[in-house]
Amino acid sequence: MNTVTVDPHQVDTAFRAAMRRFASTVTIITAADHERRHGMTATAVTSLSMSPPSLLICLNQKTLLHDIMFRARRFCVNVLHCEQVELSAAFSGAVAAEERFALGTWSRTEDGIPYLADAQANLFCRKAAAIPYGTHTILVGQVEHVGLRDAIAPLVYQDASYCVTSPAA
């Protein structure tokens, strides 16, 4: 392994290169307020606590989803199945915001939150905290309900490419 000392002025570039080495599960985060619904592909999602069951997501403050999440009380983290690459691309910006929900099999909760019916998993959350940091807001979601697909085969993103997982030998 080569260790590289980075000039303090080039930390941004080195940080970006280091983050490409992280493998992350691909999700679509969805929310709705009284007027709008929106969804966005995200990999900045992680578990936080088992008691209470909670997770955190990180959203850029300049996104439409961030604006909706500021007003919404609940949201859903839809974990994508390895066969849902096109859906991930659409919700990453390849398709206009209002047209995204025409792709895939979407349903709504009683309070109007859209969720992907055939996702690898759905984590329905109540917004418990919001912490601004830099360009993003860290949102803590307390998980209130979970939907699971039988076979475990999540879509993963690493080094600017979609990947699938398999058990290590």
N, C-alpha and C. Protein backbone atom coordinates (compact mmCIF):
# COMPACT_ATOMS: atom_id res chain seq x y z
N MET A 1 0.85 -1.18 0.00
CA MET A 1 0.00 0.00 0.00
C MET A 1 0.88 1.23 0.00
N ASN A 2 0.57 2.15 -0.87
CA ASN A 2 1.29 3.42 -0.92
C ASN A 2 0.54 4.45 -0.09
N THR A 3 1.26 5.09 0.80
CA THR A 3 0.69 6.18 1.57
C THR A 3 1.13 7.47 0.93
N VAL A 4 0.17 8.33 0.69
CA VAL A 4 0.46 9.59 0.02
C VAL A 4 0.21 10.73 0.99
N THR A 5 1.20 11.59 1.12
CA THR A 5 1.01 12.79 1.91
C THR A 5 0.42 13.83 0.98
N VAL A 6 -0.67 14.39 1.40
CA VAL A 6 -1.40 15.32 0.55
C VAL A 6 -1.16 16.75 1.01
N ASP A 7 -0.87 17.59 0.06
CA ASP A 7 -0.76 19.02 0.34
C ASP A 7 -2.09 19.49 0.90
N PRO A 8 -2.09 20.26 1.99
CA PRO A 8 -3.36 20.70 2.58
C PRO A 8 -4.30 21.40 1.60
N HIS A 9 -3.77 21.96 0.55
CA HIS A 9 -4.60 22.63 -0.45
C HIS A 9 -5.25 21.65 -1.41
N GLN A 10 -4.84 20.37 -1.37
CA GLN A 10 -5.40 19.37 -2.27
C GLN A 10 -6.22 18.31 -1.52
N VAL A 11 -6.59 18.59 -0.29
CA VAL A 11 -7.35 17.63 0.50
C VAL A 11 -8.69 17.31 -0.16
N ASP A 12 -9.36 18.31 -0.74
CA ASP A 12 -10.65 18.06 -1.39
C ASP A 12 -10.54 16.98 -2.46
N THR A 13 -9.53 17.06 -3.29
CA THR A 13 -9.34 16.09 -4.37
C THR A 13 -9.01 14.71 -3.79
N ALA A 14 -8.13 14.67 -2.82
CA ALA A 14 -7.76 13.39 -2.20
C ALA A 14 -8.95 12.78 -1.46
N PHE A 15 -9.74 13.62 -0.78
CA PHE A 15 -10.93 13.13 -0.08
C PHE A 15 -11.90 12.50 -1.06
N ARG A 16 -12.13 13.16 -2.20
CA ARG A 16 -13.03 12.62 -3.22
C ARG A 16 -12.51 11.27 -3.72
N ALA A 17 -11.20 11.16 -3.93
CA ALA A 17 -10.61 9.89 -4.38
C ALA A 17 -10.76 8.81 -3.32
N ALA A 18 -10.60 9.16 -2.06
CA ALA A 18 -10.76 8.19 -0.97
C ALA A 18 -12.21 7.72 -0.88
N MET A 19 -13.16 8.62 -1.05
CA MET A 19 -14.57 8.25 -0.96
C MET A 19 -14.99 7.30 -2.09
N ARG A 20 -14.30 7.33 -3.22
CA ARG A 20 -14.60 6.40 -4.31
C ARG A 20 -14.30 4.96 -3.92
N ARG A 21 -13.52 4.78 -2.87
CA ARG A 21 -13.17 3.45 -2.40
C ARG A 21 -14.20 2.87 -1.44
N PHE A 22 -15.19 3.67 -1.04
CA PHE A 22 -16.28 3.19 -0.20
C PHE A 22 -17.33 2.53 -1.08
N ALA A 23 -17.78 1.37 -0.69
CA ALA A 23 -18.93 0.74 -1.35
C ALA A 23 -20.16 1.10 -0.54
N SER A 24 -21.19 1.60 -1.20
CA SER A 24 -22.40 2.04 -0.50
C SER A 24 -23.64 1.43 -1.13
N THR A 25 -24.58 1.06 -0.28
CA THR A 25 -25.87 0.57 -0.75
C THR A 25 -26.64 1.75 -1.35
N VAL A 26 -27.28 1.52 -2.49
CA VAL A 26 -28.01 2.58 -3.19
C VAL A 26 -29.46 2.61 -2.69
N THR A 27 -29.91 3.81 -2.37
CA THR A 27 -31.29 4.00 -1.90
C THR A 27 -31.95 5.12 -2.69
N ILE A 28 -33.25 5.15 -2.62
CA ILE A 28 -34.01 6.32 -3.07
C ILE A 28 -34.77 6.81 -1.84
N ILE A 29 -34.49 8.02 -1.45
CA ILE A 29 -35.17 8.62 -0.31
C ILE A 29 -36.37 9.37 -0.85
N THR A 30 -37.54 9.13 -0.27
CA THR A 30 -38.77 9.78 -0.72
C THR A 30 -39.46 10.48 0.44
N ALA A 31 -40.12 11.58 0.09
CA ALA A 31 -40.87 12.34 1.09
C ALA A 31 -41.94 13.13 0.36
N ALA A 32 -42.89 13.65 1.14
CA ALA A 32 -43.95 14.48 0.58
C ALA A 32 -44.35 15.51 1.62
N ASP A 33 -44.68 16.71 1.14
CA ASP A 33 -45.30 17.68 2.02
C ASP A 33 -46.74 17.83 1.53
N HIS A 34 -47.43 18.84 1.91
CA HIS A 34 -48.85 18.95 1.54
C HIS A 34 -49.05 19.23 0.05
N GLU A 35 -48.01 19.69 -0.64
CA GLU A 35 -48.15 20.08 -2.04
C GLU A 35 -47.34 19.24 -3.01
N ARG A 36 -46.23 18.68 -2.53
CA ARG A 36 -45.28 18.03 -3.44
C ARG A 36 -44.83 16.68 -2.91
N ARG A 37 -44.38 15.84 -3.85
CA ARG A 37 -43.68 14.61 -3.50
C ARG A 37 -42.37 14.61 -4.28
N HIS A 38 -41.39 13.97 -3.73
CA HIS A 38 -40.10 13.95 -4.41
C HIS A 38 -39.30 12.74 -3.95
N GLY A 39 -38.37 12.33 -4.79
CA GLY A 39 -37.46 11.25 -4.47
C GLY A 39 -36.11 11.51 -5.09
N MET A 40 -35.08 11.02 -4.42
CA MET A 40 -33.72 11.27 -4.89
C MET A 40 -32.84 10.07 -4.51
N THR A 41 -31.99 9.66 -5.43
CA THR A 41 -31.04 8.60 -5.15
C THR A 41 -30.01 9.10 -4.15
N ALA A 42 -29.68 8.24 -3.19
CA ALA A 42 -28.70 8.62 -2.16
C ALA A 42 -27.93 7.40 -1.68
N THR A 43 -26.66 7.59 -1.39
CA THR A 43 -25.85 6.54 -0.77
C THR A 43 -25.40 6.95 0.63
N ALA A 44 -25.65 8.19 1.02
CA ALA A 44 -25.26 8.67 2.35
C ALA A 44 -26.34 8.33 3.37
N VAL A 45 -26.47 7.03 3.63
CA VAL A 45 -27.47 6.49 4.56
C VAL A 45 -26.74 5.46 5.43
N THR A 46 -26.98 5.50 6.72
CA THR A 46 -26.35 4.51 7.60
C THR A 46 -27.20 4.30 8.85
N SER A 47 -27.06 3.12 9.44
CA SER A 47 -27.77 2.86 10.68
C SER A 47 -27.14 3.70 11.79
N LEU A 48 -27.95 4.05 12.77
CA LEU A 48 -27.48 4.89 13.86
C LEU A 48 -27.63 4.19 15.21
N SER A 49 -28.80 3.59 15.45
CA SER A 49 -29.07 3.00 16.75
C SER A 49 -30.09 1.88 16.60
N MET A 50 -29.96 0.88 17.46
CA MET A 50 -30.96 -0.19 17.50
C MET A 50 -32.06 0.13 18.51
N SER A 51 -31.76 1.02 19.46
CA SER A 51 -32.75 1.37 20.47
C SER A 51 -32.70 2.86 20.74
N PRO A 52 -33.57 3.66 20.15
CA PRO A 52 -34.63 3.22 19.24
C PRO A 52 -34.05 2.94 17.85
N PRO A 53 -34.70 2.07 17.07
CA PRO A 53 -34.24 1.81 15.71
C PRO A 53 -34.20 3.12 14.93
N SER A 54 -33.02 3.48 14.44
CA SER A 54 -32.90 4.77 13.74
C SER A 54 -31.76 4.72 12.76
N LEU A 55 -31.82 5.64 11.83
CA LEU A 55 -30.78 5.77 10.81
C LEU A 55 -30.53 7.25 10.57
N LEU A 56 -29.47 7.51 9.84
CA LEU A 56 -29.24 8.89 9.45
C LEU A 56 -29.02 8.96 7.95
N ILE A 57 -29.45 10.09 7.39
CA ILE A 57 -29.24 10.37 5.97
C ILE A 57 -28.62 11.75 5.88
N CYS A 58 -27.86 11.98 4.84
CA CYS A 58 -27.24 13.27 4.62
C CYS A 58 -27.74 13.82 3.29
N LEU A 59 -28.32 15.02 3.34
CA LEU A 59 -28.89 15.64 2.14
C LEU A 59 -28.25 16.99 1.87
N ASN A 60 -27.92 17.23 0.61
CA ASN A 60 -27.42 18.54 0.21
C ASN A 60 -28.53 19.56 0.42
N GLN A 61 -28.18 20.68 1.02
CA GLN A 61 -29.16 21.71 1.35
C GLN A 61 -29.74 22.41 0.12
N LYS A 62 -29.14 22.25 -1.04
CA LYS A 62 -29.62 22.90 -2.26
C LYS A 62 -30.64 22.06 -3.02
N THR A 63 -30.96 20.86 -2.55
CA THR A 63 -31.86 19.98 -3.30
C THR A 63 -33.33 20.24 -2.97
N LEU A 64 -34.19 19.89 -3.91
CA LEU A 64 -35.63 19.97 -3.69
C LEU A 64 -36.05 19.03 -2.56
N LEU A 65 -35.45 17.86 -2.49
CA LEU A 65 -35.80 16.93 -1.42
C LEU A 65 -35.50 17.54 -0.05
N HIS A 66 -34.39 18.24 0.06
CA HIS A 66 -34.06 18.90 1.33
C HIS A 66 -35.16 19.88 1.72
N ASP A 67 -35.64 20.64 0.74
CA ASP A 67 -36.70 21.61 1.00
C ASP A 67 -37.97 20.90 1.49
N ILE A 68 -38.33 19.82 0.84
CA ILE A 68 -39.52 19.06 1.23
C ILE A 68 -39.31 18.42 2.60
N MET A 69 -38.14 17.85 2.83
CA MET A 69 -37.85 17.20 4.11
C MET A 69 -37.87 18.20 5.27
N PHE A 70 -37.56 19.44 5.00
CA PHE A 70 -37.61 20.47 6.05
C PHE A 70 -39.03 20.61 6.58
N ARG A 71 -40.02 20.46 5.69
CA ARG A 71 -41.43 20.60 6.08
C ARG A 71 -42.09 19.28 6.46
N ALA A 72 -41.60 18.18 5.93
CA ALA A 72 -42.22 16.87 6.15
C ALA A 72 -41.86 16.30 7.52
N ARG A 73 -42.75 15.50 8.08
CA ARG A 73 -42.48 14.83 9.35
C ARG A 73 -41.96 13.42 9.16
N ARG A 74 -42.28 12.83 8.00
CA ARG A 74 -41.91 11.44 7.75
C ARG A 74 -41.27 11.31 6.36
N PHE A 75 -40.50 10.23 6.21
CA PHE A 75 -39.87 9.93 4.92
C PHE A 75 -39.65 8.43 4.83
N CYS A 76 -39.28 7.98 3.64
CA CYS A 76 -39.00 6.56 3.43
C CYS A 76 -37.64 6.41 2.75
N VAL A 77 -36.86 5.45 3.25
CA VAL A 77 -35.61 5.06 2.61
C VAL A 77 -35.90 3.75 1.90
N ASN A 78 -35.85 3.79 0.58
CA ASN A 78 -36.12 2.64 -0.27
C ASN A 78 -34.78 2.05 -0.70
N VAL A 79 -34.43 0.89 -0.18
CA VAL A 79 -33.17 0.23 -0.53
C VAL A 79 -33.37 -0.48 -1.86
N LEU A 80 -32.54 -0.14 -2.85
CA LEU A 80 -32.74 -0.69 -4.19
C LEU A 80 -32.20 -2.11 -4.32
N HIS A 81 -32.90 -2.88 -5.12
CA HIS A 81 -32.51 -4.24 -5.50
C HIS A 81 -31.50 -4.13 -6.64
N CYS A 82 -30.64 -5.12 -6.79
CA CYS A 82 -29.59 -5.06 -7.82
C CYS A 82 -30.13 -4.93 -9.24
N GLU A 83 -31.41 -5.22 -9.46
CA GLU A 83 -32.00 -5.10 -10.79
C GLU A 83 -32.59 -3.71 -11.05
N GLN A 84 -32.39 -2.75 -10.14
CA GLN A 84 -33.04 -1.44 -10.25
C GLN A 84 -32.06 -0.31 -10.60
N VAL A 85 -31.07 -0.62 -11.42
CA VAL A 85 -30.08 0.37 -11.83
C VAL A 85 -30.74 1.54 -12.57
N GLU A 86 -31.65 1.25 -13.50
CA GLU A 86 -32.30 2.31 -14.27
C GLU A 86 -33.09 3.25 -13.37
N LEU A 87 -33.72 2.71 -12.36
CA LEU A 87 -34.48 3.52 -11.41
C LEU A 87 -33.55 4.44 -10.63
N SER A 88 -32.41 3.91 -10.22
CA SER A 88 -31.42 4.73 -9.52
C SER A 88 -30.96 5.88 -10.41
N ALA A 89 -30.66 5.59 -11.65
CA ALA A 89 -30.21 6.64 -12.58
C ALA A 89 -31.29 7.70 -12.77
N ALA A 90 -32.54 7.27 -12.90
CA ALA A 90 -33.64 8.22 -13.08
C ALA A 90 -33.76 9.16 -11.89
N PHE A 91 -33.66 8.62 -10.68
CA PHE A 91 -33.80 9.43 -9.48
C PHE A 91 -32.51 10.18 -9.12
N SER A 92 -31.45 9.93 -9.89
CA SER A 92 -30.20 10.69 -9.73
C SER A 92 -30.22 11.97 -10.56
N GLY A 93 -31.26 12.15 -11.36
CA GLY A 93 -31.37 13.36 -12.16
C GLY A 93 -31.49 13.11 -13.65
N ALA A 94 -31.40 11.86 -14.09
CA ALA A 94 -31.52 11.56 -15.52
C ALA A 94 -32.94 11.80 -16.04
N VAL A 95 -33.91 11.81 -15.12
CA VAL A 95 -35.31 12.02 -15.48
C VAL A 95 -35.83 13.19 -14.64
N ALA A 96 -36.67 14.02 -15.23
CA ALA A 96 -37.24 15.17 -14.52
C ALA A 96 -37.98 14.70 -13.25
N ALA A 97 -37.96 15.54 -12.23
CA ALA A 97 -38.50 15.18 -10.91
C ALA A 97 -39.91 14.61 -10.96
N GLU A 98 -40.83 15.24 -11.64
CA GLU A 98 -42.22 14.77 -11.67
C GLU A 98 -42.42 13.50 -12.48
N GLU A 99 -41.52 13.23 -13.41
CA GLU A 99 -41.64 12.04 -14.26
C GLU A 99 -41.05 10.79 -13.62
N ARG A 100 -40.27 10.94 -12.56
CA ARG A 100 -39.57 9.81 -11.95
C ARG A 100 -40.53 8.74 -11.42
N PHE A 101 -41.64 9.17 -10.84
CA PHE A 101 -42.56 8.21 -10.23
C PHE A 101 -43.37 7.41 -11.26
N ALA A 102 -43.20 7.74 -12.55
CA ALA A 102 -43.83 6.94 -13.61
C ALA A 102 -43.03 5.65 -13.84
N LEU A 103 -41.81 5.60 -13.31
CA LEU A 103 -40.95 4.43 -13.44
C LEU A 103 -41.02 3.61 -12.16
N GLY A 104 -41.03 2.30 -12.28
CA GLY A 104 -41.09 1.46 -11.09
C GLY A 104 -42.51 1.29 -10.57
N THR A 105 -42.65 0.54 -9.50
CA THR A 105 -43.94 0.26 -8.89
C THR A 105 -44.04 1.02 -7.58
N TRP A 106 -44.74 2.14 -7.61
CA TRP A 106 -44.84 3.02 -6.44
C TRP A 106 -46.20 2.94 -5.78
N SER A 107 -46.20 3.03 -4.47
CA SER A 107 -47.41 3.12 -3.66
C SER A 107 -47.25 4.31 -2.74
N ARG A 108 -48.30 4.59 -1.95
CA ARG A 108 -48.25 5.69 -0.98
C ARG A 108 -48.73 5.20 0.38
N THR A 109 -48.11 5.73 1.42
CA THR A 109 -48.59 5.44 2.77
C THR A 109 -49.86 6.25 3.02
N GLU A 110 -50.51 6.01 4.14
CA GLU A 110 -51.73 6.75 4.47
C GLU A 110 -51.50 8.25 4.52
N ASP A 111 -50.30 8.67 4.93
CA ASP A 111 -50.02 10.11 4.99
C ASP A 111 -49.32 10.63 3.73
N GLY A 112 -49.36 9.85 2.63
CA GLY A 112 -48.93 10.34 1.33
C GLY A 112 -47.47 10.16 0.96
N ILE A 113 -46.70 9.46 1.75
CA ILE A 113 -45.29 9.26 1.41
C ILE A 113 -45.16 8.18 0.34
N PRO A 114 -44.54 8.50 -0.80
CA PRO A 114 -44.36 7.48 -1.82
C PRO A 114 -43.29 6.47 -1.40
N TYR A 115 -43.52 5.20 -1.74
CA TYR A 115 -42.52 4.18 -1.49
C TYR A 115 -42.51 3.18 -2.63
N LEU A 116 -41.34 2.61 -2.88
CA LEU A 116 -41.14 1.65 -3.96
C LEU A 116 -41.59 0.28 -3.48
N ALA A 117 -42.68 -0.21 -4.05
CA ALA A 117 -43.30 -1.44 -3.58
C ALA A 117 -42.40 -2.67 -3.73
N ASP A 118 -41.53 -2.69 -4.73
CA ASP A 118 -40.66 -3.85 -4.93
C ASP A 118 -39.20 -3.56 -4.60
N ALA A 119 -38.98 -2.65 -3.66
CA ALA A 119 -37.62 -2.35 -3.22
C ALA A 119 -37.03 -3.53 -2.46
N GLN A 120 -35.72 -3.54 -2.31
CA GLN A 120 -35.04 -4.54 -1.50
C GLN A 120 -35.54 -4.45 -0.05
N ALA A 121 -35.73 -3.21 0.40
CA ALA A 121 -36.29 -2.95 1.73
C ALA A 121 -36.85 -1.53 1.74
N ASN A 122 -37.85 -1.29 2.58
CA ASN A 122 -38.41 0.05 2.80
C ASN A 122 -38.30 0.34 4.29
N LEU A 123 -37.71 1.47 4.63
CA LEU A 123 -37.62 1.90 6.02
C LEU A 123 -38.42 3.18 6.15
N PHE A 124 -39.56 3.07 6.82
CA PHE A 124 -40.45 4.21 6.99
C PHE A 124 -40.06 4.91 8.29
N CYS A 125 -39.72 6.19 8.19
CA CYS A 125 -39.13 6.90 9.31
C CYS A 125 -39.90 8.16 9.68
N ARG A 126 -39.81 8.49 10.96
CA ARG A 126 -40.26 9.78 11.47
C ARG A 126 -39.01 10.62 11.68
N LYS A 127 -39.02 11.84 11.19
CA LYS A 127 -37.87 12.73 11.34
C LYS A 127 -37.71 13.07 12.82
N ALA A 128 -36.56 12.70 13.40
CA ALA A 128 -36.31 12.91 14.82
C ALA A 128 -35.36 14.07 15.10
N ALA A 129 -34.48 14.38 14.14
CA ALA A 129 -33.53 15.47 14.33
C ALA A 129 -32.98 15.90 12.98
N ALA A 130 -32.55 17.15 12.91
CA ALA A 130 -31.91 17.69 11.72
C ALA A 130 -30.74 18.55 12.18
N ILE A 131 -29.55 18.21 11.67
CA ILE A 131 -28.33 18.89 12.09
C ILE A 131 -27.62 19.44 10.85
N PRO A 132 -27.61 20.76 10.65
CA PRO A 132 -26.89 21.33 9.51
C PRO A 132 -25.38 21.16 9.70
N TYR A 133 -24.69 20.81 8.61
CA TYR A 133 -23.23 20.72 8.65
C TYR A 133 -22.70 20.98 7.25
N GLY A 134 -21.91 22.01 7.09
CA GLY A 134 -21.34 22.34 5.78
C GLY A 134 -22.44 22.53 4.75
N THR A 135 -22.33 21.84 3.64
CA THR A 135 -23.30 21.95 2.55
C THR A 135 -24.51 21.05 2.73
N HIS A 136 -24.50 20.22 3.77
CA HIS A 136 -25.53 19.20 3.95
C HIS A 136 -26.27 19.35 5.28
N THR A 137 -27.36 18.61 5.39
CA THR A 137 -28.06 18.45 6.67
C THR A 137 -28.09 16.96 6.98
N ILE A 138 -27.73 16.63 8.20
CA ILE A 138 -27.79 15.26 8.68
C ILE A 138 -29.17 15.09 9.31
N LEU A 139 -29.95 14.17 8.76
CA LEU A 139 -31.29 13.91 9.28
C LEU A 139 -31.31 12.57 9.99
N VAL A 140 -31.84 12.57 11.20
CA VAL A 140 -32.02 11.34 11.95
C VAL A 140 -33.47 10.90 11.77
N GLY A 141 -33.63 9.66 11.33
CA GLY A 141 -34.96 9.11 11.16
C GLY A 141 -35.18 7.96 12.13
N GLN A 142 -36.23 8.04 12.93
CA GLN A 142 -36.59 6.92 13.79
C GLN A 142 -37.47 5.99 12.98
N VAL A 143 -37.05 4.75 12.83
CA VAL A 143 -37.74 3.79 11.99
C VAL A 143 -39.02 3.32 12.70
N GLU A 144 -40.15 3.50 12.01
CA GLU A 144 -41.45 3.12 12.56
C GLU A 144 -42.01 1.84 11.95
N HIS A 145 -41.57 1.53 10.74
CA HIS A 145 -42.08 0.35 10.03
C HIS A 145 -41.04 -0.06 9.00
N VAL A 146 -40.94 -1.36 8.73
CA VAL A 146 -39.98 -1.88 7.76
C VAL A 146 -40.68 -2.86 6.84
N GLY A 147 -40.41 -2.75 5.54
CA GLY A 147 -40.84 -3.74 4.56
C GLY A 147 -39.61 -4.41 3.99
N LEU A 148 -39.64 -5.74 3.83
CA LEU A 148 -38.47 -6.48 3.34
C LEU A 148 -38.83 -7.35 2.14
N ARG A 149 -37.93 -7.40 1.17
CA ARG A 149 -38.03 -8.34 0.05
C ARG A 149 -37.25 -9.59 0.45
N ASP A 150 -37.73 -10.75 0.07
CA ASP A 150 -37.14 -12.00 0.53
C ASP A 150 -35.65 -12.15 0.22
N ALA A 151 -35.26 -12.15 -1.02
CA ALA A 151 -33.87 -12.38 -1.37
C ALA A 151 -33.04 -11.13 -1.09
N ILE A 152 -31.87 -11.33 -0.48
CA ILE A 152 -30.99 -10.20 -0.20
C ILE A 152 -30.05 -10.01 -1.39
N ALA A 153 -30.30 -8.95 -2.16
CA ALA A 153 -29.49 -8.65 -3.34
C ALA A 153 -29.52 -7.15 -3.60
N PRO A 154 -28.89 -6.35 -2.72
CA PRO A 154 -28.94 -4.90 -2.87
C PRO A 154 -28.06 -4.40 -4.01
N LEU A 155 -28.44 -3.24 -4.51
CA LEU A 155 -27.62 -2.52 -5.49
C LEU A 155 -26.57 -1.74 -4.72
N VAL A 156 -25.33 -1.80 -5.18
CA VAL A 156 -24.21 -1.14 -4.50
C VAL A 156 -23.52 -0.20 -5.49
N TYR A 157 -22.97 0.89 -4.96
CA TYR A 157 -22.26 1.87 -5.79
C TYR A 157 -20.85 2.04 -5.23
N GLN A 158 -19.85 1.90 -6.12
CA GLN A 158 -18.46 2.07 -5.72
C GLN A 158 -17.65 2.54 -6.92
N ASP A 159 -16.78 3.50 -6.71
CA ASP A 159 -15.89 4.02 -7.74
C ASP A 159 -16.66 4.43 -9.00
N ALA A 160 -17.76 5.15 -8.78
CA ALA A 160 -18.61 5.68 -9.86
C ALA A 160 -19.24 4.59 -10.73
N SER A 161 -19.44 3.39 -10.16
CA SER A 161 -20.05 2.29 -10.89
C SER A 161 -21.04 1.53 -10.01
N TYR A 162 -22.08 1.01 -10.64
CA TYR A 162 -23.00 0.13 -9.92
C TYR A 162 -22.38 -1.25 -9.81
N CYS A 163 -22.59 -1.90 -8.67
CA CYS A 163 -22.02 -3.21 -8.40
C CYS A 163 -23.08 -4.08 -7.72
N VAL A 164 -22.83 -5.36 -7.67
CA VAL A 164 -23.65 -6.29 -6.90
C VAL A 164 -22.73 -6.99 -5.91
N THR A 165 -23.31 -7.50 -4.85
CA THR A 165 -22.51 -8.14 -3.82
C THR A 165 -22.57 -9.66 -3.95
N SER A 166 -21.56 -10.30 -3.41
CA SER A 166 -21.58 -11.75 -3.26
C SER A 166 -20.76 -12.07 -2.01
N PRO A 167 -21.08 -13.17 -1.35
CA PRO A 167 -20.34 -13.52 -0.13
C PRO A 167 -18.85 -13.72 -0.44
N ALA A 168 -18.00 -13.29 0.48
CA ALA A 168 -16.55 -13.52 0.34
C ALA A 168 -16.27 -14.99 0.60
N ALA A 169 -15.26 -15.50 -0.07
CA ALA A 169 -14.91 -16.93 0.09
C ALA A 169 -14.35 -17.17 1.47
